[in-house]
Structure formats: structure tokens, C-alpha cells
C-alpha atoms as a PDB file:
ATOM      1  CA  MET A   1       0.000   0.000   0.000  1.00  0.00           C
ATOM      2  CA  SER A   2       1.182   3.502  -0.770  1.00  0.00           C
ATOM      3  CA  SER A   3       1.791   5.588   2.362  1.00  0.00           C
ATOM      4  CA  GLU A   4      -0.630   8.116   0.825  1.00  0.00           C
ATOM      5  CA  ILE A   5      -3.578   5.740   1.173  1.00  0.00           C
ATOM      6  CA  GLN A   6      -5.121   5.636   4.629  1.00  0.00           C
ATOM      7  CA  TRP A   7      -8.860   5.381   3.933  1.00  0.00           C
ATOM      8  CA  VAL A   8     -10.990   2.857   2.050  1.00  0.00           C
ATOM      9  CA  TRP A   9     -14.762   2.810   1.650  1.00  0.00           C
ATOM     10  CA  HIS A  10     -15.867  -0.589   2.953  1.00  0.00           C
ATOM     11  CA  GLN A  11     -19.303  -1.924   3.827  1.00  0.00           C
ATOM     12  CA  GLY A  12     -20.983   1.457   3.870  1.00  0.00           C
ATOM     13  CA  GLN A  13     -18.396   3.681   5.504  1.00  0.00           C
ATOM     14  CA  LEU A  14     -14.878   5.034   5.337  1.00  0.00           C
ATOM     15  CA  VAL A  15     -12.498   2.843   7.300  1.00  0.00           C
ATOM     16  CA  GLN A  16      -8.745   2.784   7.706  1.00  0.00           C
ATOM     17  CA  TRP A  17      -6.901   0.621   5.195  1.00  0.00           C
ATOM     18  CA  SER A  18      -6.058  -2.103   7.736  1.00  0.00           C
ATOM     19  CA  ALA A  19      -9.725  -2.430   8.741  1.00  0.00           C
ATOM     20  CA  ALA A  20     -10.957  -3.276   5.212  1.00  0.00           C
ATOM     21  CA  ARG A  21     -10.902  -7.061   5.470  1.00  0.00           C
ATOM     22  CA  ALA A  22     -12.733 -10.104   4.126  1.00  0.00           C
ATOM     23  CA  HIS A  23     -13.081 -13.553   5.679  1.00  0.00           C
ATOM     24  CA  VAL A  24     -11.216 -16.571   4.234  1.00  0.00           C
ATOM     25  CA  THR A  25     -14.586 -18.181   3.374  1.00  0.00           C
ATOM     26  CA  THR A  26     -15.497 -15.240   1.134  1.00  0.00           C
ATOM     27  CA  HIS A  27     -17.211 -16.789  -1.902  1.00  0.00           C
ATOM     28  CA  ALA A  28     -15.428 -14.480  -4.373  1.00  0.00           C
ATOM     29  CA  LEU A  29     -12.039 -15.581  -3.044  1.00  0.00           C
ATOM     30  CA  HIS A  30     -12.815 -19.209  -3.939  1.00  0.00           C
ATOM     31  CA  TYR A  31     -14.886 -18.832  -7.115  1.00  0.00           C
ATOM     32  CA  GLY A  32     -14.118 -15.411  -8.614  1.00  0.00           C
ATOM     33  CA  THR A  33     -17.640 -14.107  -8.032  1.00  0.00           C
ATOM     34  CA  ALA A  34     -16.885 -10.395  -8.033  1.00  0.00           C
ATOM     35  CA  ILE A  35     -17.290  -7.440 -10.356  1.00  0.00           C
ATOM     36  CA  PHE A  36     -15.267  -4.249 -10.415  1.00  0.00           C
ATOM     37  CA  GLU A  37     -14.458  -1.033 -12.237  1.00  0.00           C
ATOM     38  CA  GLY A  38     -11.288   0.994 -12.760  1.00  0.00           C
ATOM     39  CA  ILE A  39     -11.825   4.769 -12.791  1.00  0.00           C
ATOM     40  CA  ARG A  40      -9.220   7.509 -13.198  1.00  0.00           C
ATOM     41  CA  ALA A  41      -9.255  10.866 -11.479  1.00  0.00           C
ATOM     42  CA  HIS A  42      -6.705  13.044 -13.261  1.00  0.00           C
ATOM     43  CA  GLY A  43      -4.921  15.948 -11.664  1.00  0.00           C
ATOM     44  CA  SER A  44      -5.655  19.472 -12.867  1.00  0.00           C
ATOM     45  CA  PRO A  45      -5.159  23.079 -11.695  1.00  0.00           C
ATOM     46  CA  ARG A  46      -8.772  22.876 -10.468  1.00  0.00           C
ATOM     47  CA  GLY A  47      -8.104  19.732  -8.462  1.00  0.00           C
ATOM     48  CA  PRO A  48      -8.656  16.060  -9.346  1.00  0.00           C
ATOM     49  CA  GLN A  49     -11.331  15.297 -11.945  1.00  0.00           C
ATOM     50  CA  PHE A  50     -12.889  11.931 -12.719  1.00  0.00           C
ATOM     51  CA  PHE A  51     -12.870  10.958 -16.391  1.00  0.00           C
ATOM     52  CA  ARG A  52     -16.175   9.536 -17.658  1.00  0.00           C
ATOM     53  CA  LEU A  53     -17.299   8.603 -14.159  1.00  0.00           C
ATOM     54  CA  GLY A  54     -20.933   8.120 -15.172  1.00  0.00           C
ATOM     55  CA  ASP A  55     -19.999   5.696 -17.964  1.00  0.00           C
ATOM     56  CA  HIS A  56     -17.851   3.623 -15.616  1.00  0.00           C
ATOM     57  CA  LEU A  57     -20.611   3.422 -13.021  1.00  0.00           C
ATOM     58  CA  ARG A  58     -23.147   2.440 -15.677  1.00  0.00           C
ATOM     59  CA  ARG A  59     -20.890  -0.428 -16.771  1.00  0.00           C
ATOM     60  CA  PHE A  60     -20.476  -1.421 -13.108  1.00  0.00           C
ATOM     61  CA  ALA A  61     -24.261  -1.604 -12.755  1.00  0.00           C
ATOM     62  CA  GLU A  62     -24.524  -3.577 -16.007  1.00  0.00           C
ATOM     63  CA  SER A  63     -21.870  -6.048 -14.816  1.00  0.00           C
ATOM     64  CA  ALA A  64     -23.913  -6.616 -11.652  1.00  0.00           C
ATOM     65  CA  ARG A  65     -27.099  -7.148 -13.665  1.00  0.00           C
ATOM     66  CA  LEU A  66     -25.402  -9.606 -16.037  1.00  0.00           C
ATOM     67  CA  HIS A  67     -24.286 -11.649 -13.017  1.00  0.00           C
ATOM     68  CA  ARG A  68     -27.677 -11.283 -11.276  1.00  0.00           C
ATOM     69  CA  MET A  69     -25.920  -9.615  -8.363  1.00  0.00           C
ATOM     70  CA  GLN A  70     -28.028  -7.427  -6.077  1.00  0.00           C
ATOM     71  CA  LEU A  71     -25.801  -4.542  -5.048  1.00  0.00           C
ATOM     72  CA  PRO A  72     -26.166  -3.357  -1.438  1.00  0.00           C
ATOM     73  CA  CYS A  73     -26.435   0.309  -2.412  1.00  0.00           C
ATOM     74  CA  SER A  74     -27.415   2.617  -5.259  1.00  0.00           C
ATOM     75  CA  MET A  75     -25.128   3.901  -7.991  1.00  0.00           C
ATOM     76  CA  GLU A  76     -25.486   7.376  -6.494  1.00  0.00           C
ATOM     77  CA  GLN A  77     -24.061   6.057  -3.243  1.00  0.00           C
ATOM     78  CA  VAL A  78     -21.201   4.361  -5.110  1.00  0.00           C
ATOM     79  CA  ARG A  79     -20.552   7.677  -6.850  1.00  0.00           C
ATOM     80  CA  GLN A  80     -20.393   9.453  -3.492  1.00  0.00           C
ATOM     81  CA  ALA A  81     -17.998   6.809  -2.199  1.00  0.00           C
ATOM     82  CA  CYS A  82     -15.664   7.345  -5.189  1.00  0.00           C
ATOM     83  CA  HIS A  83     -15.503  11.043  -4.369  1.00  0.00           C
ATOM     84  CA  ALA A  84     -15.045  10.344  -0.663  1.00  0.00           C
ATOM     85  CA  VAL A  85     -11.983   8.092  -0.982  1.00  0.00           C
ATOM     86  CA  VAL A  86     -10.138  10.615  -3.153  1.00  0.00           C
ATOM     87  CA  THR A  87     -10.783  13.553  -0.844  1.00  0.00           C
ATOM     88  CA  ALA A  88     -10.266  11.533   2.358  1.00  0.00           C
ATOM     89  CA  ASN A  89      -6.780  10.546   1.196  1.00  0.00           C
ATOM     90  CA  ARG A  90      -5.919  14.037  -0.147  1.00  0.00           C
ATOM     91  CA  LEU A  91      -5.089  12.572  -3.567  1.00  0.00           C
ATOM     92  CA  GLU A  92      -4.252  14.930  -6.420  1.00  0.00           C
ATOM     93  CA  ALA A  93      -4.779  12.089  -8.905  1.00  0.00           C
ATOM     94  CA  ALA A  94      -6.022   8.568  -8.385  1.00  0.00           C
ATOM     95  CA  TYR A  95      -7.137   5.235  -9.765  1.00  0.00           C
ATOM     96  CA  VAL A  96     -10.354   4.215  -8.001  1.00  0.00           C
ATOM     97  CA  ARG A  97     -11.725   0.672  -7.959  1.00  0.00           C
ATOM     98  CA  PRO A  98     -15.313  -0.082  -6.889  1.00  0.00           C
ATOM     99  CA  LEU A  99     -15.515  -3.792  -6.068  1.00  0.00           C
ATOM    100  CA  ALA A 100     -18.654  -5.817  -5.348  1.00  0.00           C
ATOM    101  CA  TYR A 101     -18.343  -9.443  -4.296  1.00  0.00           C
ATOM    102  CA  TYR A 102     -20.238 -12.323  -2.765  1.00  0.00           C
ATOM    103  CA  ALA A 103     -19.210 -12.465   0.869  1.00  0.00           C
ATOM    104  CA  GLU A 104     -18.479 -15.215   3.378  1.00  0.00           C
ATOM    105  CA  GLY A 105     -20.670 -18.267   3.600  1.00  0.00           C
ATOM    106  CA  PRO A 106     -20.720 -22.053   3.210  1.00  0.00           C
ATOM    107  CA  LEU A 107     -18.195 -23.500   0.788  1.00  0.00           C
ATOM    108  CA  GLY A 108     -19.651 -24.576  -2.550  1.00  0.00           C
ATOM    109  CA  VAL A 109     -20.325 -23.168  -5.988  1.00  0.00           C
ATOM    110  CA  PRO A 110     -23.918 -22.042  -5.303  1.00  0.00           C
ATOM    111  CA  LYS A 111     -23.431 -18.392  -4.517  1.00  0.00           C
ATOM    112  CA  ALA A 112     -23.557 -16.827  -1.090  1.00  0.00           C
ATOM    113  CA  ASP A 113     -26.505 -14.539  -0.381  1.00  0.00           C
ATOM    114  CA  THR A 114     -24.626 -11.485   0.873  1.00  0.00           C
ATOM    115  CA  VAL A 115     -22.968  -8.986  -1.438  1.00  0.00           C
ATOM    116  CA  GLN A 116     -20.408  -6.586  -0.006  1.00  0.00           C
ATOM    117  CA  LEU A 117     -19.041  -3.504  -1.706  1.00  0.00           C
ATOM    118  CA  SER A 118     -15.783  -1.622  -1.292  1.00  0.00           C
ATOM    119  CA  VAL A 119     -14.209   1.329  -3.100  1.00  0.00           C
ATOM    120  CA  ILE A 120     -10.417   1.183  -3.151  1.00  0.00           C
ATOM    121  CA  PRO A 121      -8.229   4.184  -4.067  1.00  0.00           C
ATOM    122  CA  VAL A 122      -4.709   4.007  -5.472  1.00  0.00           C
ATOM    123  CA  SER A 123      -2.550   7.096  -5.713  1.00  0.00           C
ATOM    124  CA  GLY A 124      -2.070   8.518  -9.195  1.00  0.00           C
ATOM    125  CA  ALA A 125       1.331   6.951  -9.787  1.00  0.00           C
ATOM    126  CA  LEU A 126       0.117   4.953 -12.796  1.00  0.00           C
ATOM    127  CA  PRO A 127       1.201   6.790 -15.952  1.00  0.00           C
ATOM    128  CA  LEU A 128      -1.475   8.166 -18.257  1.00  0.00           C
ATOM    129  CA  VAL A 129       0.552   6.851 -21.175  1.00  0.00           C
ATOM    130  CA  ASN A 130       3.429   4.442 -20.623  1.00  0.00           C
ATOM    131  CA  ALA A 131       5.961   6.895 -21.999  1.00  0.00           C
ATOM    132  CA  GLU A 132       8.862   5.175 -20.238  1.00  0.00           C
ATOM    133  CA  LEU A 133       8.049   1.936 -22.089  1.00  0.00           C
ATOM    134  CA  GLY A 134       7.975   3.566 -25.493  1.00  0.00           C
ATOM    135  CA  SER A 135       6.297   0.943 -27.650  1.00  0.00           C
ATOM    136  CA  VAL A 136       5.464  -2.465 -26.189  1.00  0.00           C
ATOM    137  CA  LYS A 137       5.969  -6.008 -27.488  1.00  0.00           C
ATOM    138  CA  LEU A 138       2.949  -8.283 -27.895  1.00  0.00           C
ATOM    139  CA  GLY A 139       2.615 -11.969 -28.685  1.00  0.00           C
ATOM    140  CA  VAL A 140      -0.455 -13.900 -29.789  1.00  0.00           C
ATOM    141  CA  SER A 141      -1.344 -16.316 -27.019  1.00  0.00           C
ATOM    142  CA  THR A 142      -2.155 -19.998 -27.339  1.00  0.00           C
ATOM    143  CA  TRP A 143      -4.986 -19.342 -24.857  1.00  0.00           C
ATOM    144  CA  ARG A 144      -8.305 -18.306 -26.424  1.00  0.00           C
ATOM    145  CA  ARG A 145     -10.835 -15.711 -25.271  1.00  0.00           C
ATOM    146  CA  ALA A 146     -14.045 -17.353 -24.078  1.00  0.00           C
ATOM    147  CA  GLY A 147     -17.016 -16.351 -26.214  1.00  0.00           C
ATOM    148  CA  GLY A 148     -20.534 -15.378 -25.242  1.00  0.00           C
ATOM    149  CA  SER A 149     -21.698 -19.020 -25.051  1.00  0.00           C
ATOM    150  CA  HIS A 150     -19.086 -19.737 -22.358  1.00  0.00           C
ATOM    151  CA  ALA A 151     -18.815 -16.495 -20.412  1.00  0.00           C
ATOM    152  CA  LEU A 152     -19.999 -12.881 -20.204  1.00  0.00           C
ATOM    153  CA  PRO A 153     -17.218 -10.849 -21.862  1.00  0.00           C
ATOM    154  CA  ALA A 154     -19.240  -7.626 -21.561  1.00  0.00           C
ATOM    155  CA  ALA A 155     -19.071  -7.842 -17.741  1.00  0.00           C
ATOM    156  CA  LYS A 156     -15.980  -6.654 -15.893  1.00  0.00           C
ATOM    157  CA  ALA A 157     -15.860  -9.687 -13.616  1.00  0.00           C
ATOM    158  CA  SER A 158     -12.967 -10.983 -11.546  1.00  0.00           C
ATOM    159  CA  GLY A 159     -13.361 -14.576 -12.698  1.00  0.00           C
ATOM    160  CA  ALA A 160     -12.815 -13.555 -16.329  1.00  0.00           C
ATOM    161  CA  TYR A 161      -9.277 -12.474 -15.496  1.00  0.00           C
ATOM    162  CA  GLN A 162      -8.133 -15.998 -14.618  1.00  0.00           C
ATOM    163  CA  SER A 163      -7.577 -16.677 -18.320  1.00  0.00           C
ATOM    164  CA  ALA A 164      -5.919 -13.260 -18.701  1.00  0.00           C
ATOM    165  CA  LEU A 165      -3.433 -14.282 -16.023  1.00  0.00           C
ATOM    166  CA  LEU A 166      -2.527 -17.385 -18.040  1.00  0.00           C
ATOM    167  CA  VAL A 167      -2.049 -15.211 -21.130  1.00  0.00           C
ATOM    168  CA  ALA A 168       0.132 -12.727 -19.256  1.00  0.00           C
ATOM    169  CA  ARG A 169       2.341 -15.446 -17.795  1.00  0.00           C
ATOM    170  CA  GLU A 170       2.793 -17.084 -21.196  1.00  0.00           C
ATOM    171  CA  ALA A 171       3.673 -13.711 -22.729  1.00  0.00           C
ATOM    172  CA  LYS A 172       6.382 -13.067 -20.122  1.00  0.00           C
ATOM    173  CA  LEU A 173       7.886 -16.514 -20.732  1.00  0.00           C
ATOM    174  CA  HIS A 174       8.295 -15.620 -24.417  1.00  0.00           C
ATOM    175  CA  GLY A 175       9.753 -12.165 -23.789  1.00  0.00           C
ATOM    176  CA  TYR A 176       6.617 -10.102 -24.503  1.00  0.00           C
ATOM    177  CA  ASP A 177       5.130  -7.301 -22.449  1.00  0.00           C
ATOM    178  CA  ASP A 178       1.614  -8.714 -22.887  1.00  0.00           C
ATOM    179  CA  GLY A 179      -0.352 -11.258 -24.868  1.00  0.00           C
ATOM    180  CA  LEU A 180      -3.188 -10.992 -27.368  1.00  0.00           C
ATOM    181  CA  MET A 181      -6.139 -13.372 -27.287  1.00  0.00           C
ATOM    182  CA  LEU A 182      -7.965 -14.756 -30.313  1.00  0.00           C
ATOM    183  CA  ASP A 183     -11.506 -16.102 -30.282  1.00  0.00           C
ATOM    184  CA  ASP A 184     -12.436 -19.688 -31.185  1.00  0.00           C
ATOM    185  CA  ARG A 185     -12.507 -18.770 -34.902  1.00  0.00           C
ATOM    186  CA  GLY A 186      -9.023 -17.236 -34.843  1.00  0.00           C
ATOM    187  CA  CYS A 187     -10.069 -13.576 -34.952  1.00  0.00           C
ATOM    188  CA  VAL A 188      -8.314 -11.028 -32.761  1.00  0.00           C
ATOM    189  CA  CYS A 189     -10.015 -10.012 -29.502  1.00  0.00           C
ATOM    190  CA  GLU A 190      -7.951  -8.057 -26.969  1.00  0.00           C
ATOM    191  CA  ALA A 191      -4.943  -8.053 -24.667  1.00  0.00           C
ATOM    192  CA  THR A 192      -5.144  -9.119 -21.028  1.00  0.00           C
ATOM    193  CA  ALA A 193      -6.567  -5.790 -19.835  1.00  0.00           C
ATOM    194  CA  GLN A 194      -6.598  -3.528 -22.898  1.00  0.00           C
ATOM    195  CA  ASN A 195      -8.442  -3.200 -26.193  1.00  0.00           C
ATOM    196  CA  LEU A 196      -6.544  -3.391 -29.478  1.00  0.00           C
ATOM    197  CA  PHE A 197      -6.559  -1.029 -32.467  1.00  0.00           C
ATOM    198  CA  LEU A 198      -4.909  -1.347 -35.906  1.00  0.00           C
ATOM    199  CA  VAL A 199      -4.095   1.289 -38.508  1.00  0.00           C
ATOM    200  CA  ARG A 200      -4.179   0.214 -42.162  1.00  0.00           C
ATOM    201  CA  ASP A 201      -3.839   2.750 -44.981  1.00  0.00           C
ATOM    202  CA  GLY A 202      -5.020   5.559 -42.716  1.00  0.00           C
ATOM    203  CA  THR A 203      -8.102   3.685 -41.455  1.00  0.00           C
ATOM    204  CA  ILE A 204      -8.362   2.869 -37.755  1.00  0.00           C
ATOM    205  CA  LEU A 205      -9.743  -0.612 -37.078  1.00  0.00           C
ATOM    206  CA  THR A 206     -10.776  -2.382 -33.885  1.00  0.00           C
ATOM    207  CA  PRO A 207     -12.607  -5.665 -33.213  1.00  0.00           C
ATOM    208  CA  THR A 208     -16.368  -5.417 -33.483  1.00  0.00           C
ATOM    209  CA  ARG A 209     -18.647  -4.921 -30.476  1.00  0.00           C
ATOM    210  CA  SER A 210     -20.057  -8.417 -31.071  1.00  0.00           C
ATOM    211  CA  ALA A 211     -16.616  -9.967 -30.508  1.00  0.00           C
ATOM    212  CA  PRO A 212     -15.877 -11.441 -27.047  1.00  0.00           C
ATOM    213  CA  ILE A 213     -14.248  -8.279 -25.731  1.00  0.00           C
ATOM    214  CA  LEU A 214     -14.813  -5.901 -22.865  1.00  0.00           C
ATOM    215  CA  LEU A 215     -16.285  -2.711 -24.282  1.00  0.00           C
ATOM    216  CA  GLY A 216     -13.680  -0.390 -22.831  1.00  0.00           C
ATOM    217  CA  ILE A 217     -14.456   3.191 -21.876  1.00  0.00           C
ATOM    218  CA  THR A 218     -11.072   4.258 -23.269  1.00  0.00           C
ATOM    219  CA  ARG A 219     -11.834   2.284 -26.449  1.00  0.00           C
ATOM    220  CA  ASP A 220     -15.018   4.311 -26.894  1.00  0.00           C
ATOM    221  CA  THR A 221     -13.176   7.548 -26.121  1.00  0.00           C
ATOM    222  CA  VAL A 222     -10.557   6.855 -28.798  1.00  0.00           C
ATOM    223  CA  LEU A 223     -13.226   5.945 -31.361  1.00  0.00           C
ATOM    224  CA  GLN A 224     -14.895   9.305 -30.763  1.00  0.00           C
ATOM    225  CA  LEU A 225     -11.621  11.238 -30.801  1.00  0.00           C
ATOM    226  CA  ALA A 226     -10.447   9.551 -34.014  1.00  0.00           C
ATOM    227  CA  THR A 227     -13.725  10.378 -35.724  1.00  0.00           C
ATOM    228  CA  ALA A 228     -13.484  14.004 -34.562  1.00  0.00           C
ATOM    229  CA  LEU A 229      -9.955  14.173 -35.987  1.00  0.00           C
ATOM    230  CA  GLY A 230     -11.297  13.139 -39.384  1.00  0.00           C
ATOM    231  CA  TYR A 231     -10.099   9.533 -39.514  1.00  0.00           C
ATOM    232  CA  ARG A 232     -12.156   6.725 -40.968  1.00  0.00           C
ATOM    233  CA  VAL A 233     -12.960   4.312 -38.144  1.00  0.00           C
ATOM    234  CA  SER A 234     -14.227   0.764 -38.571  1.00  0.00           C
ATOM    235  CA  GLU A 235     -15.341  -1.864 -36.042  1.00  0.00           C
ATOM    236  CA  GLU A 236     -15.052  -5.253 -37.716  1.00  0.00           C
ATOM    237  CA  GLU A 237     -13.671  -8.767 -37.423  1.00  0.00           C
ATOM    238  CA  VAL A 238      -9.862  -8.685 -37.391  1.00  0.00           C
ATOM    239  CA  PRO A 239      -8.101 -11.793 -38.763  1.00  0.00           C
ATOM    240  CA  ARG A 240      -4.792 -12.659 -37.108  1.00  0.00           C
ATOM    241  CA  GLY A 241      -2.898 -12.028 -40.334  1.00  0.00           C
ATOM    242  CA  TRP A 242      -3.805  -8.335 -40.269  1.00  0.00           C
ATOM    243  CA  LEU A 243      -1.621  -7.912 -37.179  1.00  0.00           C
ATOM    244  CA  TYR A 244       1.518  -8.553 -39.248  1.00  0.00           C
ATOM    245  CA  THR A 245       0.631  -6.183 -42.096  1.00  0.00           C
ATOM    246  CA  ALA A 246      -0.726  -3.277 -40.050  1.00  0.00           C
ATOM    247  CA  ASP A 247       0.951   0.096 -40.362  1.00  0.00           C
ATOM    248  CA  GLU A 248       0.392   0.702 -36.634  1.00  0.00           C
ATOM    249  CA  LEU A 249      -0.960  -1.124 -33.614  1.00  0.00           C
ATOM    250  CA  PHE A 250      -1.926   0.357 -30.267  1.00  0.00           C
ATOM    251  CA  LEU A 251      -3.676  -0.586 -27.041  1.00  0.00           C
ATOM    252  CA  THR A 252      -6.154   1.377 -24.944  1.00  0.00           C
ATOM    253  CA  GLY A 253      -7.137   1.080 -21.302  1.00  0.00           C
ATOM    254  CA  THR A 254      -8.097   3.151 -18.295  1.00  0.00           C
ATOM    255  CA  SER A 255      -4.861   2.596 -16.379  1.00  0.00           C
ATOM    256  CA  SER A 256      -2.530   3.054 -19.365  1.00  0.00           C
ATOM    257  CA  GLY A 257      -4.288   5.410 -21.780  1.00  0.00           C
ATOM    258  CA  VAL A 258      -3.083   4.882 -25.362  1.00  0.00           C
ATOM    259  CA  VAL A 259       0.024   2.680 -25.736  1.00  0.00           C
ATOM    260  CA  GLY A 260       1.864   2.041 -29.002  1.00  0.00           C
ATOM    261  CA  VAL A 261       2.817  -1.502 -30.048  1.00  0.00           C
ATOM    262  CA  GLY A 262       6.259  -1.848 -31.638  1.00  0.00           C
ATOM    263  CA  PHE A 263       6.483  -5.611 -32.128  1.00  0.00           C
ATOM    264  CA  ILE A 264       3.970  -8.424 -32.612  1.00  0.00           C
ATOM    265  CA  ASP A 265       5.253 -12.007 -32.365  1.00  0.00           C
ATOM    266  CA  HIS A 266       8.785 -10.567 -32.597  1.00  0.00           C
ATOM    267  CA  LEU A 267       7.991  -8.870 -35.933  1.00  0.00           C
ATOM    268  CA  PRO A 268       8.271  -5.050 -36.055  1.00  0.00           C
ATOM    269  CA  VAL A 269       5.126  -3.016 -36.555  1.00  0.00           C
ATOM    270  CA  GLY A 270       6.137  -0.254 -38.957  1.00  0.00           C
ATOM    271  CA  ASP A 271       9.607   0.815 -37.840  1.00  0.00           C
ATOM    272  CA  GLY A 272       9.153  -0.737 -34.392  1.00  0.00           C
ATOM    273  CA  GLY A 273       8.308   2.552 -32.726  1.00  0.00           C
ATOM    274  CA  ILE A 274       5.128   4.469 -32.023  1.00  0.00           C
ATOM    275  CA  GLY A 275       3.248   5.366 -35.200  1.00  0.00           C
ATOM    276  CA  ARG A 276       2.197   8.888 -36.245  1.00  0.00           C
ATOM    277  CA  ILE A 277      -1.533   8.296 -35.807  1.00  0.00           C
ATOM    278  CA  THR A 278      -0.958   6.575 -32.458  1.00  0.00           C
ATOM    279  CA  ARG A 279       0.990   9.607 -31.230  1.00  0.00           C
ATOM    280  CA  GLU A 280      -1.756  11.934 -32.409  1.00  0.00           C
ATOM    281  CA  LEU A 281      -4.340   9.923 -30.512  1.00  0.00           C
ATOM    282  CA  GLN A 282      -2.135   9.846 -27.422  1.00  0.00           C
ATOM    283  CA  ARG A 283      -2.032  13.638 -27.462  1.00  0.00           C
ATOM    284  CA  ALA A 284      -5.778  13.868 -28.131  1.00  0.00           C
ATOM    285  CA  TYR A 285      -6.529  11.506 -25.254  1.00  0.00           C
ATOM    286  CA  GLN A 286      -4.317  13.430 -22.849  1.00  0.00           C
ATOM    287  CA  ALA A 287      -6.043  16.645 -23.898  1.00  0.00           C
ATOM    288  CA  ALA A 288      -9.457  15.010 -23.396  1.00  0.00           C
ATOM    289  CA  THR A 289      -8.588  14.034 -19.816  1.00  0.00           C
ATOM    290  CA  ARG A 290      -7.821  17.709 -19.203  1.00  0.00           C
ATOM    291  CA  GLY A 291     -11.090  18.837 -20.828  1.00  0.00           C
ATOM    292  CA  GLU A 292      -9.388  21.114 -23.347  1.00  0.00           C
ATOM    293  CA  SER A 293     -12.466  21.401 -25.538  1.00  0.00           C
ATOM    294  CA  PHE A 294     -16.068  22.200 -24.678  1.00  0.00           C
ATOM    295  CA  ARG A 295     -17.280  18.749 -25.746  1.00  0.00           C
ATOM    296  CA  GLU A 296     -14.639  16.922 -23.711  1.00  0.00           C
ATOM    297  CA  LYS A 297     -15.414  18.933 -20.584  1.00  0.00           C
ATOM    298  CA  ALA A 298     -18.628  16.898 -20.366  1.00  0.00           C
ATOM    299  CA  TRP A 299     -16.461  13.835 -19.743  1.00  0.00           C
ATOM    300  CA  LEU A 300     -14.984  15.347 -16.577  1.00  0.00           C
ATOM    301  CA  THR A 301     -16.450  15.394 -13.074  1.00  0.00           C
ATOM    302  CA  ALA A 302     -14.727  17.458 -10.396  1.00  0.00           C
ATOM    303  CA  VAL A 303     -14.014  15.493  -7.241  1.00  0.00           C
ATOM    304  CA  GLU A 304     -16.340  16.707  -4.512  1.00  0.00           C
ATOM    305  CA  GLY A 305     -15.758  16.643  -0.767  1.00  0.00           C
ATOM    306  CA  ASP A 306     -14.694  18.468   2.351  1.00  0.00           C
ATOM    307  CA  ASP A 307     -11.086  18.967   3.345  1.00  0.00           C
ATOM    308  CA  ALA A 308      -9.394  15.641   3.908  1.00  0.00           C
ATOM    309  CA  PRO A 309      -9.366  14.167   7.422  1.00  0.00           C
ATOM    310  CA  ALA A 310      -6.351  14.196   9.664  1.00  0.00           C
ATOM    311  CA  ARG A 311      -4.055  11.201   9.506  1.00  0.00           C
ATOM    312  CA  PRO A 312      -4.692   8.418  12.043  1.00  0.00           C
ATOM    313  CA  GLY A 313      -4.134   9.694  15.551  1.00  0.00           C
ATOM    314  CA  GLY A 314      -5.272  13.198  14.676  1.00  0.00           C
ATOM    315  CA  ASP A 315      -8.626  14.974  14.543  1.00  0.00           C
ATOM    316  CA  THR A 316     -11.249  12.546  13.167  1.00  0.00           C
ATOM    317  CA  ALA A 317     -14.115  15.034  12.858  1.00  0.00           C
ATOM    318  CA  ALA A 318     -13.796  15.175   9.077  1.00  0.00           C
ATOM    319  CA  VAL A 319     -14.053  11.391   8.872  1.00  0.00           C
ATOM    320  CA  ALA A 320     -17.280  11.517  10.862  1.00  0.00           C
ATOM    321  CA  THR A 321     -18.564  14.227   8.496  1.00  0.00           C
ATOM    322  CA  ARG A 322     -17.948  12.006   5.492  1.00  0.00           C
ATOM    323  CA  ARG A 323     -19.554   9.014   7.141  1.00  0.00           C
ATOM    324  CA  SER A 324     -22.691  11.015   7.809  1.00  0.00           C
ATOM    325  CA  ALA A 325     -22.677  12.213   4.181  1.00  0.00           C
ATOM    326  CA  LEU A 326     -22.820   8.591   3.108  1.00  0.00           C
ATOM    327  CA  GLU A 327     -25.480   7.723   5.640  1.00  0.00           C
ATOM    328  CA  GLY A 328     -27.961   5.214   4.356  1.00  0.00           C
ATOM    329  CA  VAL A 329     -25.433   3.175   2.392  1.00  0.00           C
ATOM    330  CA  SER A 330     -26.076  -0.427   3.378  1.00  0.00           C
ATOM    331  CA  PRO A 331     -23.103  -2.374   4.776  1.00  0.00           C
END
């Protein structure tokens, strides 16, 4: 844990980091029955601002519905909790993770009855764009992405990342930064935690919405930005062979932004660096997170809250104020 993080929202209230615990019989720990979101609050001269908060919370609610999970509180209360953990920890920028999971109960696959919800902040140390990596190296994995008849790819669920872990480990063994998954028909899906884009003859391509992919918020942002910049954008099936003839490849995700791909299966993409269009979209995405145009300002939500509470051992009045603000959130 970063020394900056002292407060977590857990079971309906702000608690100190060490108090946010789950029992060893927690159903999600054994069977992966949890859903989550990853939301960025970017620093600005006006203070931290969430990027597309409403869209992330809508996907969180949709993930719960797809898994028939009854959340213990409303989306408005989750929204308040996201604001509270940023202000309580005095974070200038943050990655915030709402997490809902089936709680402790008898062992066995039939789900537990109780759902618990936490909101976990991480200080804004994650780079917006992995500039220090330059372009990354990808390899096509031997592991396939489960389709809609085997899983729910549209839900951001913890259990779905078990296969991603296998892909990531295989990629590291072969000297790649990450792996790409194909579907059962051999078409390209996504990386372990990022969506994939290709550039061919000036057209920007990405796997179709009907593919077994997570419909990323950053993916949607880039599609809108590319269209606004005048590029032709197409969502369609992407055969594996197109990876090796693409002019550019790049990845998108909340934690990483827009990341150029320099090598695929040890073959260079273009000159092995970050392509011109990728760089343009990196700049456009960074500008969007700062709300540099009127349209993009609608994507930003200023973090709300009182002054942050004192560190443990100090005045706890502000913590009590925040708890009362979240009154009515079920544990």
C-alpha cells in the first residue's frame, strides 16, 4: 500500500486501510464471483477530476445485472464513495476501484446470499501513457478468449481475469510485455486488460462490439476522438494475419491510456516505434482528460468533498462528516 492511502470505503463507511478485510470463506475468493471497475481521477489546476465517471458506473451496474448480483447500495451512493476516498486521502490524482463481491458463507459453488461492496483508491502513480516503455511487445497467445456461449465478456468480472493471467504469464515466458487473445474462430479479440486497435492505410480498425471483448471506456473515447480528428474508423472482425501487415498497432485502457505496439510475435510493426496516428491519438486523449475542448469537458467530473481528514491519531471530525454524508449506504 502507498503511504498516501489511509482510507478505504468498505461496507458502507470510510475505514482505515487495515480495517478493510474479508473472511477466508469469502465466496469471491474461492470462485471469482466479483465485479469491479477501474476509474481515473486526473490531476488538474482545479483539483482532481474523474474521467467519464458516469460511464464507468453504468458499466459497473450492467456487470452486476449480467451476473444477477443485487448490489447493497445505489449507484449514487457508489458515486459518493468514489468522491469520498479521493478527498479523504488528499489525492491529487487517483485510480479508483469499486468492487462488489459475494461475501463469506458455506463452501460450494452455489453463490452466497450477501454482497459486499468496497471502493479502493490508489494514488495517481500509474502513468497516463506508458511513456517510459515507449512501444510495447505483444505476442499472440495460445490461450483463447471465451465467447458469449461460455462467459460474459461484456461484464468486468474478476473470474474472467483468470484466463488473462494465463495469457500474461505465457507472454512473459516468451519475452513479450503482454499477450493478445484470439476467439475460437481465430479472430483477434484483446490483450489481457486492454483493447486493441490497428491502422491500415489511414483507417483505424478495432474488433467489433459483437466480438468477445470488454467494451472499454477508453476504447469508446478513442473511437470518438479519431472520428473528430477526421479519420475513418471501422469496427469489424480482425483476422490474425492483419496484425503482421498493419501500419500501426496500439492498445487502450483506463490505467494506461493509449500505448503504441512496436512488435507483434517478434515482428516489427512499422519501424518498431510508435506510429504517427498513435501519437496523435495519445495527445488527443491526454487533452481530453484535461477537458481542453467544450465537448470533452462533459467527460470530466470534479471530485467533490470536504477537506481531507487528519491522519490516524489526529482529529477525526472530518471522517465523521464524510460518514454522515454517506449515511444510508447499506453495509
